[in-house]
N, C-alpha and C. Protein backbone atom coordinates (compact mmCIF):
# COMPACT_ATOMS: atom_id res chain seq x y z
N MET A 1 3.72 39.35 -2.61
CA MET A 1 4.60 39.15 -3.75
C MET A 1 5.89 38.51 -3.24
N ALA A 2 6.34 37.52 -3.96
CA ALA A 2 7.54 36.79 -3.57
C ALA A 2 8.78 37.65 -3.75
N ASN A 3 9.80 37.35 -2.94
CA ASN A 3 11.08 38.03 -3.12
C ASN A 3 11.68 37.64 -4.45
N ALA A 4 12.35 38.58 -5.06
CA ALA A 4 12.98 38.31 -6.35
C ALA A 4 14.19 37.41 -6.16
N PHE A 5 14.40 36.53 -7.10
CA PHE A 5 15.60 35.70 -7.12
C PHE A 5 16.57 36.35 -8.07
N CYS A 6 17.77 36.63 -7.63
CA CYS A 6 18.76 37.30 -8.47
C CYS A 6 19.97 36.40 -8.67
N ALA A 7 20.55 36.49 -9.85
CA ALA A 7 21.76 35.73 -10.14
C ALA A 7 22.87 36.14 -9.19
N SER A 8 22.80 37.35 -8.66
CA SER A 8 23.85 37.80 -7.75
C SER A 8 23.92 36.90 -6.52
N GLN A 9 22.80 36.28 -6.15
CA GLN A 9 22.82 35.36 -5.02
C GLN A 9 23.66 34.13 -5.32
N LEU A 10 23.75 33.76 -6.60
CA LEU A 10 24.54 32.60 -6.99
C LEU A 10 25.97 32.95 -7.32
N TYR A 11 26.16 34.09 -7.96
CA TYR A 11 27.46 34.43 -8.51
C TYR A 11 28.19 35.54 -7.77
N GLY A 12 27.53 36.20 -6.82
CA GLY A 12 28.16 37.30 -6.12
C GLY A 12 28.38 38.50 -7.02
N ILE A 13 27.49 38.69 -8.01
CA ILE A 13 27.62 39.83 -8.90
C ILE A 13 26.55 40.85 -8.57
N HIS A 14 26.71 42.06 -9.08
CA HIS A 14 25.77 43.14 -8.83
C HIS A 14 24.39 42.75 -9.38
N ALA A 15 23.34 43.08 -8.67
CA ALA A 15 21.99 42.67 -9.04
C ALA A 15 21.56 43.19 -10.41
N ALA A 16 22.13 44.30 -10.87
CA ALA A 16 21.74 44.84 -12.17
C ALA A 16 22.52 44.22 -13.32
N ALA A 17 23.48 43.36 -12.98
CA ALA A 17 24.31 42.74 -14.02
C ALA A 17 23.50 41.75 -14.84
N PRO A 18 23.96 41.43 -16.05
CA PRO A 18 23.27 40.41 -16.84
C PRO A 18 23.18 39.11 -16.06
N GLY A 19 22.06 38.44 -16.19
CA GLY A 19 21.85 37.19 -15.48
C GLY A 19 20.90 37.33 -14.32
N THR A 20 20.48 38.55 -14.00
CA THR A 20 19.55 38.75 -12.91
C THR A 20 18.20 38.19 -13.29
N PHE A 21 17.63 37.40 -12.43
CA PHE A 21 16.32 36.82 -12.69
C PHE A 21 15.34 37.38 -11.68
N LEU A 22 14.27 37.97 -12.15
CA LEU A 22 13.27 38.55 -11.27
C LEU A 22 12.01 37.69 -11.34
N ALA A 23 11.86 36.80 -10.38
CA ALA A 23 10.73 35.88 -10.41
C ALA A 23 9.41 36.61 -10.26
N ASN A 24 9.37 37.66 -9.43
CA ASN A 24 8.09 38.32 -9.20
C ASN A 24 7.62 39.12 -10.40
N SER A 25 8.51 39.61 -11.23
CA SER A 25 8.09 40.35 -12.42
C SER A 25 8.11 39.46 -13.65
N ARG A 26 8.53 38.19 -13.48
CA ARG A 26 8.58 37.22 -14.55
C ARG A 26 9.45 37.71 -15.70
N ARG A 27 10.60 38.30 -15.37
CA ARG A 27 11.50 38.79 -16.40
C ARG A 27 12.89 38.23 -16.17
N LEU A 28 13.54 37.93 -17.25
CA LEU A 28 14.89 37.41 -17.22
C LEU A 28 15.75 38.40 -17.98
N LEU A 29 16.69 39.06 -17.29
CA LEU A 29 17.50 40.06 -17.95
C LEU A 29 18.48 39.45 -18.93
N ARG A 30 18.97 38.28 -18.60
CA ARG A 30 19.81 37.55 -19.55
C ARG A 30 19.82 36.10 -19.11
N LEU A 31 19.63 35.22 -20.03
CA LEU A 31 19.51 33.81 -19.68
C LEU A 31 20.89 33.17 -19.58
N PHE A 32 21.38 33.06 -18.33
CA PHE A 32 22.57 32.25 -18.06
C PHE A 32 22.01 30.85 -17.84
N VAL A 33 22.26 29.97 -18.75
CA VAL A 33 21.62 28.67 -18.65
C VAL A 33 22.48 27.74 -17.82
N ASN A 34 22.08 27.55 -16.57
CA ASN A 34 22.69 26.58 -15.69
C ASN A 34 21.58 26.00 -14.82
N LYS A 35 21.90 24.99 -14.04
CA LYS A 35 20.88 24.30 -13.26
C LYS A 35 20.06 25.24 -12.39
N GLN A 36 20.72 26.11 -11.64
CA GLN A 36 19.99 26.98 -10.72
C GLN A 36 19.03 27.91 -11.45
N LEU A 37 19.48 28.50 -12.55
CA LEU A 37 18.62 29.44 -13.24
C LEU A 37 17.56 28.76 -14.10
N ILE A 38 17.86 27.58 -14.62
CA ILE A 38 16.81 26.83 -15.33
C ILE A 38 15.72 26.47 -14.33
N ASP A 39 16.11 25.94 -13.17
CA ASP A 39 15.12 25.59 -12.16
C ASP A 39 14.37 26.82 -11.66
N ALA A 40 15.06 27.96 -11.53
CA ALA A 40 14.39 29.19 -11.11
C ALA A 40 13.37 29.64 -12.15
N LEU A 41 13.72 29.55 -13.43
CA LEU A 41 12.79 29.91 -14.49
C LEU A 41 11.58 28.98 -14.49
N LEU A 42 11.82 27.67 -14.43
CA LEU A 42 10.72 26.70 -14.41
C LEU A 42 9.84 26.91 -13.19
N SER A 43 10.46 27.15 -12.03
CA SER A 43 9.70 27.39 -10.80
C SER A 43 8.84 28.63 -10.91
N ALA A 44 9.41 29.71 -11.45
CA ALA A 44 8.65 30.96 -11.61
C ALA A 44 7.47 30.75 -12.56
N MET A 45 7.69 30.00 -13.63
CA MET A 45 6.61 29.75 -14.58
C MET A 45 5.50 28.93 -13.93
N ILE A 46 5.87 27.85 -13.23
CA ILE A 46 4.88 26.97 -12.58
C ILE A 46 4.14 27.73 -11.48
N SER A 47 4.85 28.56 -10.73
CA SER A 47 4.27 29.28 -9.60
C SER A 47 3.49 30.52 -10.00
N SER A 48 3.52 30.88 -11.27
CA SER A 48 2.88 32.12 -11.70
C SER A 48 1.36 32.07 -11.57
N SER A 49 0.79 30.86 -11.54
CA SER A 49 -0.66 30.72 -11.42
C SER A 49 -0.99 29.29 -11.01
N GLU A 50 -2.11 29.13 -10.32
CA GLU A 50 -2.57 27.79 -9.93
C GLU A 50 -2.95 26.95 -11.15
N GLY A 51 -3.35 27.62 -12.23
CA GLY A 51 -3.86 26.90 -13.39
C GLY A 51 -2.84 26.51 -14.43
N VAL A 52 -1.55 26.67 -14.15
CA VAL A 52 -0.52 26.33 -15.14
C VAL A 52 -0.48 24.81 -15.30
N SER A 53 -0.59 24.37 -16.56
CA SER A 53 -0.55 22.93 -16.82
C SER A 53 0.62 22.53 -17.71
N ASP A 54 1.07 23.43 -18.59
CA ASP A 54 2.12 23.09 -19.55
C ASP A 54 3.11 24.24 -19.69
N LEU A 55 4.36 23.89 -19.96
CA LEU A 55 5.41 24.85 -20.28
C LEU A 55 5.94 24.48 -21.66
N LEU A 56 6.11 25.48 -22.54
CA LEU A 56 6.56 25.22 -23.90
C LEU A 56 7.74 26.12 -24.23
N PHE A 57 8.74 25.51 -24.89
CA PHE A 57 9.95 26.23 -25.27
C PHE A 57 10.22 25.96 -26.74
N ALA A 58 10.22 27.01 -27.56
CA ALA A 58 10.48 26.87 -29.00
C ALA A 58 11.40 27.99 -29.45
N VAL A 59 12.24 27.69 -30.43
CA VAL A 59 13.19 28.67 -30.96
C VAL A 59 12.44 29.85 -31.57
N GLY A 60 12.93 31.05 -31.25
CA GLY A 60 12.35 32.25 -31.82
C GLY A 60 11.13 32.76 -31.10
N LYS A 61 10.80 32.17 -29.95
CA LYS A 61 9.65 32.59 -29.16
C LYS A 61 10.05 32.69 -27.70
N PRO A 62 9.36 33.53 -26.92
CA PRO A 62 9.60 33.50 -25.48
C PRO A 62 9.02 32.20 -24.92
N PRO A 63 9.40 31.81 -23.71
CA PRO A 63 8.74 30.66 -23.10
C PRO A 63 7.22 30.91 -23.07
N VAL A 64 6.46 29.84 -23.20
CA VAL A 64 5.00 29.94 -23.19
C VAL A 64 4.48 28.99 -22.13
N LEU A 65 3.44 29.42 -21.40
CA LEU A 65 2.79 28.52 -20.46
C LEU A 65 1.33 28.40 -20.83
N GLU A 66 0.77 27.26 -20.51
CA GLU A 66 -0.66 27.06 -20.72
C GLU A 66 -1.33 27.17 -19.36
N GLU A 67 -2.29 28.08 -19.29
CA GLU A 67 -3.00 28.32 -18.04
C GLU A 67 -4.50 28.22 -18.31
N HIS A 68 -5.15 27.24 -17.70
CA HIS A 68 -6.58 27.00 -17.91
C HIS A 68 -6.90 26.93 -19.39
N GLY A 69 -6.06 26.24 -20.16
CA GLY A 69 -6.31 26.04 -21.58
C GLY A 69 -5.92 27.20 -22.49
N VAL A 70 -5.38 28.27 -21.93
CA VAL A 70 -5.00 29.44 -22.72
C VAL A 70 -3.48 29.58 -22.72
N LEU A 71 -2.89 29.73 -23.92
CA LEU A 71 -1.45 29.92 -24.03
C LEU A 71 -1.10 31.37 -23.72
N GLU A 72 -0.06 31.54 -22.90
CA GLU A 72 0.36 32.88 -22.48
C GLU A 72 1.88 32.96 -22.52
N GLU A 73 2.40 34.00 -23.16
CA GLU A 73 3.85 34.18 -23.20
C GLU A 73 4.36 34.53 -21.81
N PHE A 74 5.52 34.03 -21.50
CA PHE A 74 6.20 34.31 -20.24
C PHE A 74 7.42 35.15 -20.62
N PRO A 75 7.34 36.48 -20.50
CA PRO A 75 8.37 37.35 -21.06
C PRO A 75 9.76 37.15 -20.46
N ILE A 76 10.74 37.18 -21.32
CA ILE A 76 12.13 37.20 -20.91
C ILE A 76 12.76 38.42 -21.56
N ASP A 77 13.64 39.05 -20.84
CA ASP A 77 14.28 40.26 -21.36
C ASP A 77 15.67 39.90 -21.85
N THR A 78 15.74 39.50 -23.09
CA THR A 78 17.00 39.22 -23.77
C THR A 78 17.10 40.21 -24.92
N PRO A 79 18.22 40.30 -25.60
CA PRO A 79 18.30 41.25 -26.71
C PRO A 79 17.16 41.10 -27.72
N THR A 80 16.69 39.86 -27.93
CA THR A 80 15.61 39.64 -28.88
C THR A 80 14.27 39.35 -28.21
N GLY A 81 14.28 39.09 -26.89
CA GLY A 81 13.06 38.75 -26.17
C GLY A 81 12.57 37.33 -26.40
N VAL A 82 13.40 36.53 -27.07
CA VAL A 82 13.00 35.15 -27.38
C VAL A 82 14.16 34.20 -27.07
N LEU A 83 13.84 32.91 -27.04
CA LEU A 83 14.87 31.89 -26.82
C LEU A 83 15.52 31.50 -28.14
N ASP A 84 16.82 31.22 -28.08
CA ASP A 84 17.49 30.73 -29.28
C ASP A 84 17.74 29.22 -29.14
N ALA A 85 18.20 28.59 -30.21
CA ALA A 85 18.40 27.14 -30.23
C ALA A 85 19.39 26.69 -29.16
N ALA A 86 20.46 27.46 -28.95
CA ALA A 86 21.47 27.07 -27.96
C ALA A 86 20.87 27.06 -26.55
N GLN A 87 20.02 28.03 -26.23
CA GLN A 87 19.40 28.07 -24.91
C GLN A 87 18.47 26.88 -24.70
N ILE A 88 17.69 26.55 -25.71
CA ILE A 88 16.78 25.41 -25.58
C ILE A 88 17.57 24.11 -25.49
N ASP A 89 18.65 23.99 -26.27
CA ASP A 89 19.52 22.81 -26.16
C ASP A 89 20.09 22.69 -24.75
N GLN A 90 20.46 23.80 -24.12
CA GLN A 90 21.00 23.76 -22.77
C GLN A 90 19.94 23.34 -21.76
N ILE A 91 18.71 23.81 -21.93
CA ILE A 91 17.63 23.37 -21.05
C ILE A 91 17.41 21.87 -21.23
N ALA A 92 17.39 21.40 -22.48
CA ALA A 92 17.22 19.97 -22.76
C ALA A 92 18.35 19.15 -22.14
N ASP A 93 19.59 19.61 -22.29
CA ASP A 93 20.73 18.91 -21.69
C ASP A 93 20.57 18.79 -20.19
N HIS A 94 20.11 19.87 -19.55
CA HIS A 94 19.92 19.86 -18.10
C HIS A 94 18.84 18.85 -17.71
N VAL A 95 17.73 18.85 -18.43
CA VAL A 95 16.62 17.95 -18.11
C VAL A 95 17.01 16.49 -18.34
N MET A 96 17.74 16.20 -19.43
CA MET A 96 18.15 14.82 -19.73
C MET A 96 19.24 14.33 -18.79
N GLY A 97 20.03 15.23 -18.24
CA GLY A 97 21.11 14.83 -17.34
C GLY A 97 22.10 13.93 -18.05
N ASP A 98 22.53 12.87 -17.36
CA ASP A 98 23.52 11.95 -17.91
C ASP A 98 22.90 10.71 -18.57
N ASP A 99 21.60 10.75 -18.82
CA ASP A 99 20.91 9.58 -19.35
C ASP A 99 21.23 9.39 -20.83
N GLU A 100 22.09 8.44 -21.12
CA GLU A 100 22.52 8.19 -22.51
C GLU A 100 21.40 7.65 -23.38
N ARG A 101 20.45 6.92 -22.78
CA ARG A 101 19.32 6.42 -23.56
C ARG A 101 18.50 7.58 -24.11
N LEU A 102 18.26 8.61 -23.28
CA LEU A 102 17.50 9.77 -23.75
C LEU A 102 18.23 10.48 -24.88
N ARG A 103 19.54 10.63 -24.72
CA ARG A 103 20.33 11.31 -25.75
C ARG A 103 20.32 10.51 -27.05
N ALA A 104 20.39 9.18 -26.95
CA ALA A 104 20.35 8.34 -28.14
C ALA A 104 18.98 8.43 -28.82
N ASP A 105 17.90 8.40 -28.02
CA ASP A 105 16.56 8.54 -28.60
C ASP A 105 16.42 9.86 -29.34
N LEU A 106 16.89 10.93 -28.74
CA LEU A 106 16.80 12.25 -29.37
C LEU A 106 17.60 12.28 -30.67
N ALA A 107 18.80 11.71 -30.64
CA ALA A 107 19.66 11.72 -31.83
C ALA A 107 19.10 10.85 -32.95
N HIS A 108 18.59 9.67 -32.61
CA HIS A 108 18.15 8.72 -33.64
C HIS A 108 16.69 8.87 -34.05
N HIS A 109 15.84 9.29 -33.13
CA HIS A 109 14.41 9.36 -33.42
C HIS A 109 13.88 10.79 -33.49
N GLY A 110 14.68 11.75 -33.08
CA GLY A 110 14.25 13.15 -33.12
C GLY A 110 13.44 13.59 -31.93
N SER A 111 13.24 12.69 -30.96
CA SER A 111 12.52 13.07 -29.74
C SER A 111 12.85 12.09 -28.63
N CYS A 112 12.59 12.52 -27.41
CA CYS A 112 12.70 11.63 -26.25
C CYS A 112 11.71 12.10 -25.19
N ASP A 113 11.28 11.16 -24.37
CA ASP A 113 10.34 11.43 -23.29
C ASP A 113 11.01 11.11 -21.97
N CYS A 114 10.82 11.99 -21.00
CA CYS A 114 11.40 11.77 -19.68
C CYS A 114 10.56 12.51 -18.65
N SER A 115 11.03 12.51 -17.43
CA SER A 115 10.36 13.26 -16.37
C SER A 115 11.38 14.19 -15.73
N TYR A 116 10.86 15.19 -15.03
CA TYR A 116 11.72 16.14 -14.34
C TYR A 116 10.98 16.62 -13.11
N ALA A 117 11.70 16.80 -12.01
CA ALA A 117 11.08 17.25 -10.76
C ALA A 117 11.77 18.51 -10.26
N LEU A 118 10.96 19.41 -9.74
CA LEU A 118 11.44 20.62 -9.09
C LEU A 118 11.16 20.49 -7.60
N ALA A 119 12.07 19.89 -6.88
CA ALA A 119 11.94 19.69 -5.43
C ALA A 119 10.50 19.30 -5.09
N ASP A 120 9.87 20.02 -4.16
CA ASP A 120 8.50 19.71 -3.76
C ASP A 120 7.47 20.51 -4.55
N LEU A 121 7.92 21.29 -5.52
CA LEU A 121 7.02 22.17 -6.26
C LEU A 121 6.23 21.43 -7.34
N ALA A 122 6.91 20.65 -8.16
CA ALA A 122 6.21 20.02 -9.28
C ALA A 122 7.01 18.86 -9.84
N ARG A 123 6.25 17.92 -10.41
CA ARG A 123 6.82 16.87 -11.25
C ARG A 123 6.29 17.14 -12.64
N MET A 124 7.11 16.85 -13.65
CA MET A 124 6.68 17.12 -15.01
C MET A 124 7.01 15.97 -15.94
N ARG A 125 6.12 15.74 -16.87
CA ARG A 125 6.39 14.83 -17.98
C ARG A 125 6.96 15.71 -19.09
N VAL A 126 8.07 15.30 -19.68
CA VAL A 126 8.79 16.15 -20.63
C VAL A 126 8.94 15.45 -21.98
N ASN A 127 8.70 16.19 -23.04
CA ASN A 127 8.98 15.72 -24.39
C ASN A 127 9.96 16.71 -25.01
N ILE A 128 11.13 16.21 -25.38
CA ILE A 128 12.16 17.02 -26.04
C ILE A 128 12.19 16.54 -27.49
N PHE A 129 12.09 17.46 -28.43
CA PHE A 129 12.00 17.05 -29.83
C PHE A 129 12.60 18.11 -30.74
N ARG A 130 12.68 17.77 -32.01
CA ARG A 130 13.15 18.70 -33.03
C ARG A 130 11.98 19.01 -33.94
N GLN A 131 11.78 20.30 -34.16
CA GLN A 131 10.69 20.77 -35.00
C GLN A 131 11.30 21.61 -36.12
N ASN A 132 11.18 21.16 -37.34
CA ASN A 132 11.83 21.84 -38.47
C ASN A 132 13.33 21.98 -38.24
N GLY A 133 13.93 20.93 -37.66
CA GLY A 133 15.37 20.92 -37.41
C GLY A 133 15.82 21.73 -36.21
N ARG A 134 14.87 22.29 -35.47
CA ARG A 134 15.22 23.13 -34.31
C ARG A 134 14.70 22.49 -33.03
N PRO A 135 15.42 22.69 -31.91
CA PRO A 135 15.00 22.06 -30.66
C PRO A 135 13.73 22.72 -30.10
N ALA A 136 12.92 21.89 -29.43
CA ALA A 136 11.73 22.37 -28.74
C ALA A 136 11.48 21.45 -27.55
N ILE A 137 10.79 21.99 -26.55
CA ILE A 137 10.50 21.22 -25.33
C ILE A 137 9.07 21.53 -24.90
N VAL A 138 8.35 20.47 -24.50
CA VAL A 138 7.03 20.62 -23.90
C VAL A 138 7.08 19.91 -22.55
N MET A 139 6.62 20.59 -21.51
CA MET A 139 6.58 20.01 -20.16
C MET A 139 5.14 20.05 -19.65
N ARG A 140 4.64 18.91 -19.19
CA ARG A 140 3.29 18.82 -18.63
C ARG A 140 3.42 18.66 -17.12
N LYS A 141 2.79 19.55 -16.38
CA LYS A 141 2.82 19.48 -14.92
C LYS A 141 1.96 18.31 -14.45
N LEU A 142 2.53 17.52 -13.55
CA LEU A 142 1.83 16.38 -12.97
C LEU A 142 1.54 16.66 -11.50
N GLN A 143 0.66 15.87 -10.93
CA GLN A 143 0.40 16.00 -9.50
C GLN A 143 1.67 15.69 -8.72
N THR A 144 1.89 16.41 -7.63
CA THR A 144 3.08 16.13 -6.82
C THR A 144 2.86 14.90 -5.94
N GLN A 145 1.61 14.63 -5.58
CA GLN A 145 1.33 13.43 -4.79
C GLN A 145 0.66 12.40 -5.69
N ILE A 146 1.20 11.21 -5.69
CA ILE A 146 0.63 10.13 -6.49
C ILE A 146 -0.53 9.53 -5.70
N PRO A 147 -1.73 9.48 -6.30
CA PRO A 147 -2.88 8.96 -5.56
C PRO A 147 -2.75 7.46 -5.31
N THR A 148 -3.32 7.02 -4.20
CA THR A 148 -3.34 5.60 -3.87
C THR A 148 -4.47 4.92 -4.65
N LEU A 149 -4.47 3.58 -4.64
CA LEU A 149 -5.56 2.85 -5.28
C LEU A 149 -6.90 3.20 -4.64
N ASP A 150 -6.92 3.35 -3.33
CA ASP A 150 -8.17 3.70 -2.65
C ASP A 150 -8.67 5.07 -3.10
N GLN A 151 -7.76 6.03 -3.23
CA GLN A 151 -8.15 7.37 -3.67
C GLN A 151 -8.67 7.35 -5.11
N LEU A 152 -8.17 6.44 -5.92
CA LEU A 152 -8.62 6.35 -7.31
C LEU A 152 -9.96 5.64 -7.44
N THR A 153 -10.39 4.97 -6.38
CA THR A 153 -11.63 4.19 -6.35
C THR A 153 -11.75 3.26 -7.57
N LEU A 154 -10.70 2.50 -7.80
CA LEU A 154 -10.67 1.55 -8.91
C LEU A 154 -11.33 0.24 -8.49
N PRO A 155 -11.84 -0.52 -9.45
CA PRO A 155 -12.42 -1.83 -9.13
C PRO A 155 -11.36 -2.74 -8.49
N PRO A 156 -11.78 -3.69 -7.66
CA PRO A 156 -10.84 -4.57 -6.95
C PRO A 156 -9.89 -5.34 -7.87
N ILE A 157 -10.28 -5.62 -9.10
CA ILE A 157 -9.42 -6.38 -10.01
C ILE A 157 -8.07 -5.69 -10.21
N PHE A 158 -8.03 -4.37 -10.09
CA PHE A 158 -6.78 -3.64 -10.28
C PHE A 158 -5.75 -3.99 -9.21
N ARG A 159 -6.20 -4.31 -8.01
CA ARG A 159 -5.26 -4.73 -6.95
C ARG A 159 -4.55 -6.01 -7.36
N GLU A 160 -5.26 -6.90 -8.04
CA GLU A 160 -4.65 -8.14 -8.50
C GLU A 160 -3.74 -7.89 -9.70
N MET A 161 -4.16 -7.01 -10.59
CA MET A 161 -3.38 -6.73 -11.80
C MET A 161 -2.00 -6.16 -11.47
N ILE A 162 -1.91 -5.32 -10.46
CA ILE A 162 -0.61 -4.70 -10.17
C ILE A 162 0.36 -5.68 -9.53
N LYS A 163 -0.13 -6.82 -9.09
CA LYS A 163 0.75 -7.84 -8.53
C LYS A 163 1.43 -8.68 -9.61
N GLU A 164 0.92 -8.60 -10.84
CA GLU A 164 1.48 -9.38 -11.95
C GLU A 164 2.91 -8.94 -12.24
N LYS A 165 3.75 -9.91 -12.58
CA LYS A 165 5.15 -9.62 -12.88
C LYS A 165 5.34 -9.21 -14.33
N ASN A 166 4.42 -9.59 -15.21
CA ASN A 166 4.51 -9.27 -16.64
C ASN A 166 3.34 -8.39 -17.04
N GLY A 167 3.45 -7.79 -18.22
CA GLY A 167 2.39 -6.91 -18.72
C GLY A 167 1.09 -7.62 -18.96
N ILE A 168 0.08 -6.86 -19.24
CA ILE A 168 -1.27 -7.40 -19.44
C ILE A 168 -1.35 -8.15 -20.75
C-alpha cells in the first residue's frame, strides 16, 4: 500500500486538519483546490487500478472513474461527499492553464478540448463543458508512450503521408 499523501506535507499543517488527502484510502477530507492537490487527486484516481480509462467530474456527484467499462465512484470526504461547481471550475482552470483560446472556446461554445499530463504517470485527453449550465469535465487516459510507425504496422503509404505539409 502506498504512503498517504497529506496536505500537511505542502502546508506544514497538522495531518488531521482539513485538506488532508489520503491516497491509499482514496478519501479527501476537504478539497483544497490547488495544483498539488488536483494532481494528487488525479494521480490517486489513475493509480487506483490498471484498468482506469476515464475520470469524470460533475456537480453534485463525487468524482467517478471508469474501470474496465464500469463506472465507479471515487469517494471524497467533504461535508456533502460531492463536488460543487466552484471546485470543478477550479479543476478546469488548472487544466486550461493560461491558454486563452481554451477559455474563449469554453465561454463561446460551452466546451473546450485539451490535453493534460501528470509527469510520467499519464497523459489525458480532456473535455471541459457545461451541462445544464453547470461545469463538468471528462478525462480520457492515453498511453504514456506514443507508438512508432513500425509499432503500428501501418502500410508504407503512411510514411509518405506524414511528410506532407498540408492536410489530406
